């Protein structure tokens, strides 16, 4: 079967005479796997932790939201353990979310908070 998933994204901005209203609609994506999960994970500012993928063995898409309302509680995603060789590639500020296609080379991602212990809620769709 094809086009099992629909992805959409919009961005609207208006300030100082600059107006951006970008709603490029949506697109469909094929999904080979049959699994999806909604997960939560408490992040720590002390120790980076592996991102729990639940039953998803090969993630294809992730949508993640930082549920904190405290301004300093930024969640960072890393390619692997940042204490070893991992590189932070994404910052999720409190109350914001990200959506991206999972890179096939991203096999063991880690999460870490800048401060506190904010809660990360995320949805994974199998590739």
C-alpha atoms as a PDB file:
ATOM      1  CA  UNK A   1       0.000   0.000   0.000  1.00  0.00           C
ATOM      2  CA  UNK A   2       1.213   3.543  -0.695  1.00  0.00           C
ATOM      3  CA  UNK A   3       0.713   6.940   0.911  1.00  0.00           C
ATOM      4  CA  UNK A   4      -0.282   5.639   4.362  1.00  0.00           C
ATOM      5  CA  UNK A   5       0.822   8.839   6.103  1.00  0.00           C
ATOM      6  CA  UNK A   6       0.025  12.495   5.505  1.00  0.00           C
ATOM      7  CA  UNK A   7       2.448  15.189   6.684  1.00  0.00           C
ATOM      8  CA  UNK A   8       1.582  18.882   6.819  1.00  0.00           C
ATOM      9  CA  UNK A   9       3.408  21.985   7.974  1.00  0.00           C
ATOM     10  CA  UNK A  10       2.626  25.699   8.191  1.00  0.00           C
ATOM     11  CA  UNK A  11       4.482  28.816   9.328  1.00  0.00           C
ATOM     12  CA  UNK A  12       2.892  32.215   9.918  1.00  0.00           C
ATOM     13  CA  UNK A  13       4.759  35.377  10.957  1.00  0.00           C
ATOM     14  CA  UNK A  14       3.805  39.050  11.048  1.00  0.00           C
ATOM     15  CA  UNK A  15       5.920  41.788  12.623  1.00  0.00           C
ATOM     16  CA  UNK A  16       7.269  45.172  11.603  1.00  0.00           C
ATOM     17  CA  UNK A  17       5.673  45.017   8.167  1.00  0.00           C
ATOM     18  CA  UNK A  18       7.094  41.593   7.379  1.00  0.00           C
ATOM     19  CA  UNK A  19       4.427  38.989   6.726  1.00  0.00           C
ATOM     20  CA  UNK A  20       5.116  35.347   6.015  1.00  0.00           C
ATOM     21  CA  UNK A  21       2.239  32.961   5.582  1.00  0.00           C
ATOM     22  CA  UNK A  22       3.646  29.692   4.391  1.00  0.00           C
ATOM     23  CA  UNK A  23       1.200  26.851   4.234  1.00  0.00           C
ATOM     24  CA  UNK A  24       2.499  24.506   1.624  1.00  0.00           C
ATOM     25  CA  UNK A  25      -0.300  22.093   2.274  1.00  0.00           C
ATOM     26  CA  UNK A  26       0.571  18.492   2.881  1.00  0.00           C
ATOM     27  CA  UNK A  27       2.191  15.530   1.232  1.00  0.00           C
ATOM     28  CA  UNK A  28       1.790  11.795   1.484  1.00  0.00           C
ATOM     29  CA  UNK A  29       4.524   9.383   2.449  1.00  0.00           C
ATOM     30  CA  UNK A  30       4.881   5.641   2.060  1.00  0.00           C
ATOM     31  CA  UNK A  31       5.452   3.661   5.236  1.00  0.00           C
ATOM     32  CA  UNK A  32       6.951   0.185   4.991  1.00  0.00           C
ATOM     33  CA  UNK A  33       6.538  -0.723   8.672  1.00  0.00           C
ATOM     34  CA  UNK A  34       3.283  -1.201  10.540  1.00  0.00           C
ATOM     35  CA  UNK A  35       3.967   0.377  13.911  1.00  0.00           C
ATOM     36  CA  UNK A  36       3.549   3.768  15.532  1.00  0.00           C
ATOM     37  CA  UNK A  37       3.892   4.917  19.131  1.00  0.00           C
ATOM     38  CA  UNK A  38       3.184   7.914  21.355  1.00  0.00           C
ATOM     39  CA  UNK A  39       5.795   8.046  24.093  1.00  0.00           C
ATOM     40  CA  UNK A  40       6.934  10.329  26.908  1.00  0.00           C
ATOM     41  CA  UNK A  41      10.329  10.572  28.521  1.00  0.00           C
ATOM     42  CA  UNK A  42      11.565  12.683  31.422  1.00  0.00           C
ATOM     43  CA  UNK A  43      14.849  14.262  30.413  1.00  0.00           C
ATOM     44  CA  UNK A  44      17.708  15.052  32.762  1.00  0.00           C
ATOM     45  CA  UNK A  45      20.135  17.960  32.840  1.00  0.00           C
ATOM     46  CA  UNK A  46      22.661  15.732  34.613  1.00  0.00           C
ATOM     47  CA  UNK A  47      23.050  12.696  32.370  1.00  0.00           C
ATOM     48  CA  UNK A  48      22.169  12.209  28.686  1.00  0.00           C
ATOM     49  CA  UNK A  49      19.881   9.200  28.171  1.00  0.00           C
ATOM     50  CA  UNK A  50      19.030   7.044  25.165  1.00  0.00           C
ATOM     51  CA  UNK A  51      15.763   8.046  23.514  1.00  0.00           C
ATOM     52  CA  UNK A  52      13.221   5.321  24.255  1.00  0.00           C
ATOM     53  CA  UNK A  53      11.908   4.045  20.916  1.00  0.00           C
ATOM     54  CA  UNK A  54       9.393   1.645  22.468  1.00  0.00           C
ATOM     55  CA  UNK A  55       8.476  -1.096  20.010  1.00  0.00           C
ATOM     56  CA  UNK A  56       9.703   0.899  17.000  1.00  0.00           C
ATOM     57  CA  UNK A  57      12.805  -0.785  15.608  1.00  0.00           C
ATOM     58  CA  UNK A  58      13.299   1.410  12.538  1.00  0.00           C
ATOM     59  CA  UNK A  59      11.852   4.901  13.065  1.00  0.00           C
ATOM     60  CA  UNK A  60      10.848   6.775   9.931  1.00  0.00           C
ATOM     61  CA  UNK A  61       9.345   9.987  11.351  1.00  0.00           C
ATOM     62  CA  UNK A  62       9.346  11.750  14.704  1.00  0.00           C
ATOM     63  CA  UNK A  63       7.222  14.578  16.057  1.00  0.00           C
ATOM     64  CA  UNK A  64       8.447  15.749  19.462  1.00  0.00           C
ATOM     65  CA  UNK A  65       7.173  18.383  21.912  1.00  0.00           C
ATOM     66  CA  UNK A  66       8.794  19.829  25.018  1.00  0.00           C
ATOM     67  CA  UNK A  67       5.950  19.932  27.570  1.00  0.00           C
ATOM     68  CA  UNK A  68       7.812  22.249  29.956  1.00  0.00           C
ATOM     69  CA  UNK A  69       6.717  25.848  30.505  1.00  0.00           C
ATOM     70  CA  UNK A  70       9.984  26.862  32.214  1.00  0.00           C
ATOM     71  CA  UNK A  71      12.096  28.966  29.856  1.00  0.00           C
ATOM     72  CA  UNK A  72      15.462  27.376  30.682  1.00  0.00           C
ATOM     73  CA  UNK A  73      14.278  23.775  30.255  1.00  0.00           C
ATOM     74  CA  UNK A  74      15.471  23.226  26.682  1.00  0.00           C
ATOM     75  CA  UNK A  75      15.672  19.631  25.441  1.00  0.00           C
ATOM     76  CA  UNK A  76      18.490  18.656  23.094  1.00  0.00           C
ATOM     77  CA  UNK A  77      18.553  15.643  20.778  1.00  0.00           C
ATOM     78  CA  UNK A  78      21.930  14.064  20.002  1.00  0.00           C
ATOM     79  CA  UNK A  79      23.055  11.622  17.337  1.00  0.00           C
ATOM     80  CA  UNK A  80      24.426   9.281  20.014  1.00  0.00           C
ATOM     81  CA  UNK A  81      25.855   9.569  23.531  1.00  0.00           C
ATOM     82  CA  UNK A  82      27.199  13.154  23.627  1.00  0.00           C
ATOM     83  CA  UNK A  83      29.630  12.078  26.341  1.00  0.00           C
ATOM     84  CA  UNK A  84      31.345   9.862  23.774  1.00  0.00           C
ATOM     85  CA  UNK A  85      31.012  11.130  20.212  1.00  0.00           C
ATOM     86  CA  UNK A  86      27.413  12.269  19.809  1.00  0.00           C
ATOM     87  CA  UNK A  87      26.574  15.641  18.314  1.00  0.00           C
ATOM     88  CA  UNK A  88      23.537  17.681  19.361  1.00  0.00           C
ATOM     89  CA  UNK A  89      21.472  18.350  16.253  1.00  0.00           C
ATOM     90  CA  UNK A  90      18.187  19.717  17.584  1.00  0.00           C
ATOM     91  CA  UNK A  91      17.008  21.970  20.418  1.00  0.00           C
ATOM     92  CA  UNK A  92      13.364  21.860  21.480  1.00  0.00           C
ATOM     93  CA  UNK A  93      12.440  24.930  23.497  1.00  0.00           C
ATOM     94  CA  UNK A  94       9.661  24.781  26.134  1.00  0.00           C
ATOM     95  CA  UNK A  95       6.196  24.603  24.589  1.00  0.00           C
ATOM     96  CA  UNK A  96       7.523  24.036  21.070  1.00  0.00           C
ATOM     97  CA  UNK A  97       7.696  21.004  18.840  1.00  0.00           C
ATOM     98  CA  UNK A  98       9.669  19.622  15.929  1.00  0.00           C
ATOM     99  CA  UNK A  99       8.749  17.271  13.101  1.00  0.00           C
ATOM    100  CA  UNK A 100      11.287  15.575  10.903  1.00  0.00           C
ATOM    101  CA  UNK A 101      12.053  12.489   8.881  1.00  0.00           C
ATOM    102  CA  UNK A 102      14.301  10.174  10.820  1.00  0.00           C
ATOM    103  CA  UNK A 103      17.734   9.744   9.235  1.00  0.00           C
ATOM    104  CA  UNK A 104      18.616   6.082   8.704  1.00  0.00           C
ATOM    105  CA  UNK A 105      22.053   6.770  10.225  1.00  0.00           C
ATOM    106  CA  UNK A 106      20.437   7.931  13.479  1.00  0.00           C
ATOM    107  CA  UNK A 107      20.527   4.567  15.226  1.00  0.00           C
ATOM    108  CA  UNK A 108      20.945   5.427  18.936  1.00  0.00           C
ATOM    109  CA  UNK A 109      19.811   8.991  19.668  1.00  0.00           C
ATOM    110  CA  UNK A 110      20.134  10.553  23.112  1.00  0.00           C
ATOM    111  CA  UNK A 111      18.218  13.301  24.914  1.00  0.00           C
ATOM    112  CA  UNK A 112      19.410  15.790  27.521  1.00  0.00           C
ATOM    113  CA  UNK A 113      17.917  18.884  29.127  1.00  0.00           C
ATOM    114  CA  UNK A 114      19.801  22.147  29.589  1.00  0.00           C
ATOM    115  CA  UNK A 115      18.275  22.430  33.070  1.00  0.00           C
ATOM    116  CA  UNK A 116      15.605  20.797  35.189  1.00  0.00           C
ATOM    117  CA  UNK A 117      13.792  17.633  34.138  1.00  0.00           C
ATOM    118  CA  UNK A 118      11.380  18.594  31.352  1.00  0.00           C
ATOM    119  CA  UNK A 119       9.003  16.040  29.878  1.00  0.00           C
ATOM    120  CA  UNK A 120       9.399  15.139  26.196  1.00  0.00           C
ATOM    121  CA  UNK A 121       6.294  13.801  24.432  1.00  0.00           C
ATOM    122  CA  UNK A 122       6.905  12.298  21.010  1.00  0.00           C
ATOM    123  CA  UNK A 123       5.343  10.230  18.300  1.00  0.00           C
ATOM    124  CA  UNK A 124       7.340   7.760  16.260  1.00  0.00           C
ATOM    125  CA  UNK A 125       6.204   6.212  13.001  1.00  0.00           C
ATOM    126  CA  UNK A 126       8.047   3.151  11.765  1.00  0.00           C
ATOM    127  CA  UNK A 127       9.891   3.553   8.453  1.00  0.00           C
END
